[in-house]
Protein backbone atom coordinates (compact mmCIF):
# COMPACT_ATOMS: atom_id res chain seq x y z
CA MET A 1 75.63 80.83 69.95
CA ILE A 2 75.33 83.31 67.31
CA ARG A 3 74.62 86.61 68.78
CA ARG A 4 75.37 90.46 67.32
CA ALA A 5 77.09 92.40 64.81
CA ARG A 6 78.91 95.43 66.35
CA ASN A 7 77.01 98.41 67.10
CA VAL A 8 74.71 98.62 64.03
CA PRO A 9 74.95 97.79 66.81
CA ILE A 10 60.83 94.81 72.75
CA ALA A 11 59.15 94.72 75.74
CA ALA A 12 61.25 94.01 79.09
CA PHE A 13 61.54 90.43 79.97
CA VAL A 14 60.43 89.10 83.77
CA CYS A 15 63.58 88.11 85.51
CA LEU A 16 64.36 84.99 87.46
CA ALA A 17 65.97 84.70 90.49
CA ALA A 18 69.66 84.95 90.69
CA GLY A 19 69.98 81.72 92.74
CA THR A 20 68.88 80.20 89.38
CA VAL A 21 71.17 82.08 87.38
CA THR A 22 73.86 80.99 89.75
CA ALA A 23 73.27 77.29 89.54
CA LEU A 24 73.22 77.10 85.74
CA ALA A 25 77.21 76.61 85.23
CA ALA A 26 77.17 73.86 87.55
CA THR A 27 74.16 71.84 85.94
CA VAL A 28 75.39 71.84 82.35
CA SER A 29 75.68 68.27 81.52
CA PRO A 30 77.54 66.42 79.08
CA PRO A 31 74.57 64.60 77.48
CA GLU A 32 73.17 68.17 76.02
CA ALA A 33 76.82 69.09 75.15
CA SER A 34 77.16 65.83 72.88
CA LYS A 35 73.91 66.43 71.08
CA LEU A 36 75.71 69.65 69.43
CA ALA A 37 76.24 68.88 65.61
CA PRO A 38 79.66 70.43 64.52
CA HIS A 39 78.41 72.50 61.52
CA ARG A 40 79.39 75.51 59.28
CA ALA A 41 75.85 77.53 58.38
CA ILE A 42 75.60 80.61 56.34
CA TYR A 43 72.77 83.26 56.60
CA ASP A 44 71.86 85.67 54.21
CA LEU A 45 71.10 88.93 55.71
CA GLU A 46 68.51 91.97 54.82
CA LEU A 47 66.84 95.14 56.33
CA GLY A 48 63.70 93.90 58.32
CA ASN A 49 61.23 97.04 60.50
CA THR A 50 63.09 99.97 61.13
CA ARG A 51 62.22 102.74 63.15
CA GLN A 52 61.39 106.31 61.90
CA SER A 53 64.79 107.20 63.93
CA SER A 54 66.88 104.86 61.82
CA SER A 55 68.66 106.22 58.70
CA VAL A 56 69.51 103.18 57.63
CA THR A 57 67.37 102.21 54.30
CA SER A 58 68.65 99.02 53.16
CA VAL A 59 70.87 96.17 54.18
CA LYS A 60 72.87 93.34 52.26
CA GLY A 61 74.98 91.00 53.90
CA ARG A 62 75.84 87.80 54.95
CA LEU A 63 76.73 85.91 58.13
CA VAL A 64 79.00 82.48 58.26
CA PHE A 65 79.21 80.50 61.59
CA GLU A 66 81.49 77.67 62.03
CA PHE A 67 81.09 75.33 65.05
CA THR A 68 83.53 72.57 65.85
CA GLY A 69 84.90 70.64 68.35
CA SER A 70 83.66 68.02 71.11
CA VAL A 71 83.14 67.45 74.83
CA CYS A 72 86.69 65.65 74.71
CA GLU A 73 88.51 68.25 73.60
CA GLY A 74 86.36 71.67 73.69
CA PHE A 75 84.57 73.78 71.09
CA THR A 76 85.64 76.40 68.46
CA GLN A 77 83.44 79.00 67.01
CA ASN A 78 84.45 81.13 64.30
CA MET A 79 82.04 83.35 62.92
CA ARG A 80 82.39 86.61 60.15
CA PHE A 81 79.54 89.08 60.02
CA VAL A 82 79.12 90.92 56.57
CA MET A 83 77.06 93.87 56.23
CA ASN A 84 76.99 96.61 53.35
CA ILE A 85 74.74 99.24 55.12
CA ASN A 86 73.02 102.19 53.02
CA ASN A 87 71.73 105.26 54.43
CA ARG A 88 69.15 107.89 53.60
CA ASP A 89 72.23 110.46 52.58
CA GLY A 90 73.02 108.13 50.01
CA GLY A 91 76.11 106.84 51.81
CA SER A 92 77.19 103.18 52.72
CA THR A 93 79.10 101.53 54.92
CA LEU A 94 80.84 97.97 54.66
CA SER A 95 81.14 96.08 58.20
CA ASP A 96 83.24 93.27 58.71
CA LEU A 97 82.99 91.57 61.94
CA ARG A 98 85.28 88.56 62.25
CA SER A 99 85.48 86.50 65.66
CA ASN A 100 87.15 83.39 66.75
CA THR A 101 86.37 81.81 70.44
CA PHE A 102 87.60 78.51 71.89
CA GLU A 103 85.48 77.13 75.02
CA SER A 104 86.63 74.32 77.50
CA SER A 105 84.32 71.53 77.45
CA GLY A 106 83.81 71.91 81.27
CA GLY A 107 83.05 75.71 80.59
CA ASP A 108 86.39 76.69 83.05
CA SER A 109 88.07 78.43 80.20
CA PHE A 110 87.20 80.89 77.43
CA LYS A 111 89.47 82.37 74.48
CA PHE A 112 88.53 84.84 72.42
CA ASN A 113 89.63 87.42 69.49
CA PHE A 114 87.38 89.83 67.31
CA ASN A 115 88.46 92.04 64.62
CA ASP A 116 86.54 94.97 63.58
CA PHE A 117 86.70 96.24 60.06
CA GLN A 118 84.82 99.02 58.43
CA ASN A 119 85.08 100.04 54.55
CA ASP A 120 88.11 97.32 54.78
CA GLU A 121 90.25 99.26 57.44
CA ALA A 122 90.68 97.77 60.80
CA THR A 123 88.98 99.52 63.63
CA ASP A 124 89.01 97.26 66.75
CA THR A 125 90.76 94.24 68.07
CA THR A 126 89.42 92.52 71.15
CA MET A 127 91.64 89.49 72.48
CA GLY A 128 91.69 87.82 76.04
CA ASN A 129 91.31 84.96 77.81
CA ALA A 130 88.72 84.19 80.84
CA VAL A 131 89.31 81.40 83.29
CA ARG A 132 86.66 80.09 86.01
CA GLU A 133 87.88 79.84 89.40
CA ASP A 134 86.04 76.67 90.21
CA GLN A 135 82.96 74.81 89.04
CA GLY A 136 80.29 77.62 88.81
CA GLY A 137 82.63 79.91 90.76
CA ALA A 138 83.55 83.68 89.59
CA VAL A 139 85.10 84.40 86.11
CA ALA A 140 88.55 86.18 85.76
CA VAL A 141 89.34 87.76 82.52
CA SER A 142 92.92 89.11 81.26
CA LEU A 143 92.45 91.23 78.61
CA ALA A 144 95.58 91.36 75.95
CA LYS A 145 93.78 94.02 73.41
CA PRO A 146 92.96 96.80 73.02
CA GLN A 147 94.78 97.38 75.84
CA GLU A 148 95.94 95.05 78.58
CA SER A 149 93.54 94.77 81.56
CA LYS A 150 91.41 92.59 84.39
CA VAL A 151 88.06 92.00 84.63
CA SER A 152 85.89 90.06 87.52
CA LEU A 153 82.78 88.66 86.71
CA PRO A 154 80.24 87.30 89.45
CA ALA A 155 80.02 83.22 89.65
CA GLY A 156 77.57 81.40 87.46
CA THR A 157 78.29 83.78 84.60
CA LEU A 158 78.10 81.32 81.45
CA PHE A 159 80.61 81.31 78.38
CA PRO A 160 78.42 80.87 74.75
CA VAL A 161 78.46 77.24 74.53
CA GLN A 162 77.54 76.96 78.00
CA GLN A 163 74.86 79.03 77.33
CA THR A 164 73.89 77.02 74.44
CA ILE A 165 74.02 73.94 76.05
CA ALA A 166 71.88 75.35 78.94
CA LEU A 167 69.37 76.74 76.59
CA LEU A 168 68.99 72.93 74.89
CA ALA A 169 68.81 71.38 78.27
CA ALA A 170 66.00 73.74 79.38
CA ALA A 171 64.16 73.39 76.34
CA MET A 172 64.21 69.57 76.73
CA ARG A 173 62.94 69.60 80.35
CA GLY A 174 59.78 71.62 78.81
CA ASP A 175 61.22 75.00 80.49
CA HIS A 176 59.95 78.09 78.84
CA MET A 177 62.26 80.68 80.18
CA LEU A 178 66.27 80.42 81.11
CA ALA A 179 67.96 83.66 82.70
CA ALA A 180 71.79 83.68 82.91
CA GLU A 181 74.65 85.99 82.84
CA LEU A 182 76.76 85.69 79.70
CA TYR A 183 80.15 86.66 78.90
CA ASP A 184 81.12 86.29 75.15
CA GLY A 185 84.13 89.00 75.06
CA SER A 186 82.18 91.35 73.00
CA ASP A 187 82.28 94.91 73.73
CA LYS A 188 85.96 95.31 74.25
CA GLY A 189 85.47 92.69 76.86
CA GLN A 190 84.77 95.13 79.45
CA LYS A 191 81.60 93.32 80.68
CA ALA A 192 78.99 90.65 80.79
CA PHE A 193 75.47 90.47 79.56
CA PHE A 194 72.26 89.53 81.77
CA THR A 195 70.26 87.33 79.21
CA ASN A 196 66.66 86.27 79.68
CA SER A 197 65.70 83.52 77.20
CA VAL A 198 62.02 82.82 76.05
CA ILE A 199 61.36 79.25 74.71
CA GLY A 200 58.37 78.37 72.61
CA VAL A 201 56.28 75.01 72.15
CA ALA A 202 58.53 72.20 70.69
CA GLN A 203 57.87 71.39 67.64
CA LEU A 204 58.34 67.72 66.42
CA ALA A 205 59.20 68.29 62.51
CA SER A 206 59.97 71.20 59.98
CA PRO A 207 57.42 71.27 56.89
CA ASP A 208 58.91 74.51 55.96
CA LEU A 209 62.52 73.97 55.92
CA GLU A 210 64.50 75.99 52.87
CA PRO A 211 65.48 74.52 49.56
CA VAL A 212 69.13 74.29 50.98
CA LYS A 213 71.15 70.71 50.77
CA ASN A 214 71.55 69.23 54.23
CA ALA A 215 68.55 71.03 55.40
CA GLU A 216 66.45 67.81 55.17
CA ARG A 217 68.54 66.49 58.01
CA LEU A 218 66.59 68.96 60.39
CA ALA A 219 63.23 67.57 59.21
CA LYS A 220 62.47 65.35 61.72
CA LEU A 221 64.38 66.77 64.56
CA LYS A 222 62.57 68.81 67.38
CA SER A 223 63.02 72.58 67.43
CA TRP A 224 61.97 75.55 69.48
CA PRO A 225 61.55 79.22 68.76
CA VAL A 226 63.58 81.22 70.91
CA THR A 227 64.01 84.79 71.49
CA ILE A 228 67.00 86.06 73.61
CA ALA A 229 67.05 89.47 75.40
CA TYR A 230 70.30 90.74 76.09
CA PHE A 231 70.22 93.52 78.90
CA ASP A 232 73.24 95.38 80.29
CA HIS A 233 73.29 95.52 84.23
CA GLY A 234 70.79 97.04 85.97
CA SER A 235 68.37 97.99 83.31
CA SER A 236 66.13 94.76 83.29
CA LYS A 237 65.75 95.17 87.11
CA ALA A 238 64.46 98.79 86.44
CA GLY A 239 61.95 97.60 83.95
CA GLY A 240 64.30 98.82 81.15
CA LEU A 241 64.56 97.60 77.32
CA PRO A 242 66.68 95.09 76.35
CA ALA A 243 70.36 96.38 74.68
CA HIS A 244 69.73 93.98 72.03
CA GLU A 245 67.20 91.02 70.77
CA MET A 246 67.89 87.55 68.90
CA SER A 247 65.37 85.41 67.63
CA PHE A 248 65.32 81.83 65.82
CA GLN A 249 64.07 78.52 65.51
CA PHE A 250 66.72 76.04 67.68
CA TYR A 251 67.19 72.76 67.02
CA GLU A 252 68.15 69.87 69.18
CA ASN A 253 71.43 69.77 67.37
CA GLY A 254 72.32 73.14 67.68
CA VAL A 255 71.71 74.37 64.04
CA ILE A 256 69.59 77.35 64.17
CA ARG A 257 67.23 79.23 61.05
CA LYS A 258 64.76 81.87 60.80
CA LEU A 259 67.31 84.12 62.32
CA ALA A 260 65.98 87.86 63.54
CA LEU A 261 68.22 90.31 65.09
CA ASP A 262 66.87 93.36 66.58
CA TYR A 263 69.06 96.42 67.67
CA GLY A 264 66.20 98.76 68.77
CA THR A 265 65.86 101.24 65.37
CA LEU A 266 67.39 98.37 63.18
CA GLN A 267 66.24 94.71 62.58
CA LEU A 268 67.85 92.12 60.57
CA ARG A 269 66.40 89.18 59.15
CA GLY A 270 68.92 86.19 58.48
CA THR A 271 67.73 83.41 56.11
CA LEU A 272 69.90 79.88 55.72
CA SER A 273 71.26 79.45 52.40
CA GLN A 274 73.90 77.28 53.29
CA LEU A 275 74.44 74.08 55.94
CA GLU A 276 77.07 71.95 56.10
CA PHE A 277 77.35 69.06 58.46
CA LEU A 278 81.59 68.76 59.64
CA GLU A 279 83.17 65.69 60.99
CA PRO A 280 82.95 65.15 64.54
CA ALA A 281 86.14 65.41 66.33
CA LYS A 282 86.89 61.62 67.76
CA CYS A 283 87.76 60.94 71.51
CA THR A 284 91.39 60.08 71.89
CA ASN A 285 91.16 58.91 75.71
């Protein structure tokens, strides 16, 4: 699942019971996973609404997201998130985040590599591996960069593709909320986020598609408007605001469009500009 740029980065959401979150990892099933279509999507980014406290005057950028793999071999996600950010003082910053992750189909392991560049200079690298002790169990993270360290995460923590599958399963059941702990290796790999997803009413057709090749394949697919809020631990229970938020139209094959990213003082809009469906990996066993 596409999530965020590094620290460019709405009202608090009602939290679901912790028992619901813990059960998610064990209830993710292959039928939902097999619906996800390997694809490459490109989104043109521009500045949305900003608050007066923001010094940003304009943003132009592009997000390239590639999803490949299968329930047999696991799932790979590659992302590049490039933005040219202009400020009130006339300065500009070129931000470039590149990530590569691999997640086993059963959600028992997750490898990640993040590389941040500012004005073409490398600034941060995060690399590590997370392993689930047993089905639905606690997660042990081994970080290699920025420095070697260990992180322990609670039972039921989801990895990114697991979250996508759980979201699709919830939407197809007709649920309108999904709560989950999410670990995606971001923020130097040191923590998980508590996420709350609000799922809107299903749409059976999309008459307003962008004039983009292959977008017509989405026209008759079921989709849902989704908003995901990401909370630092403790802030949601105290009624705090999310650290950031993401909204999009979510299709039953895993493609998203109408992307919006909210970092508090800064909001970005992403318009689907290219869509390519990739050859699915074949199961050999």
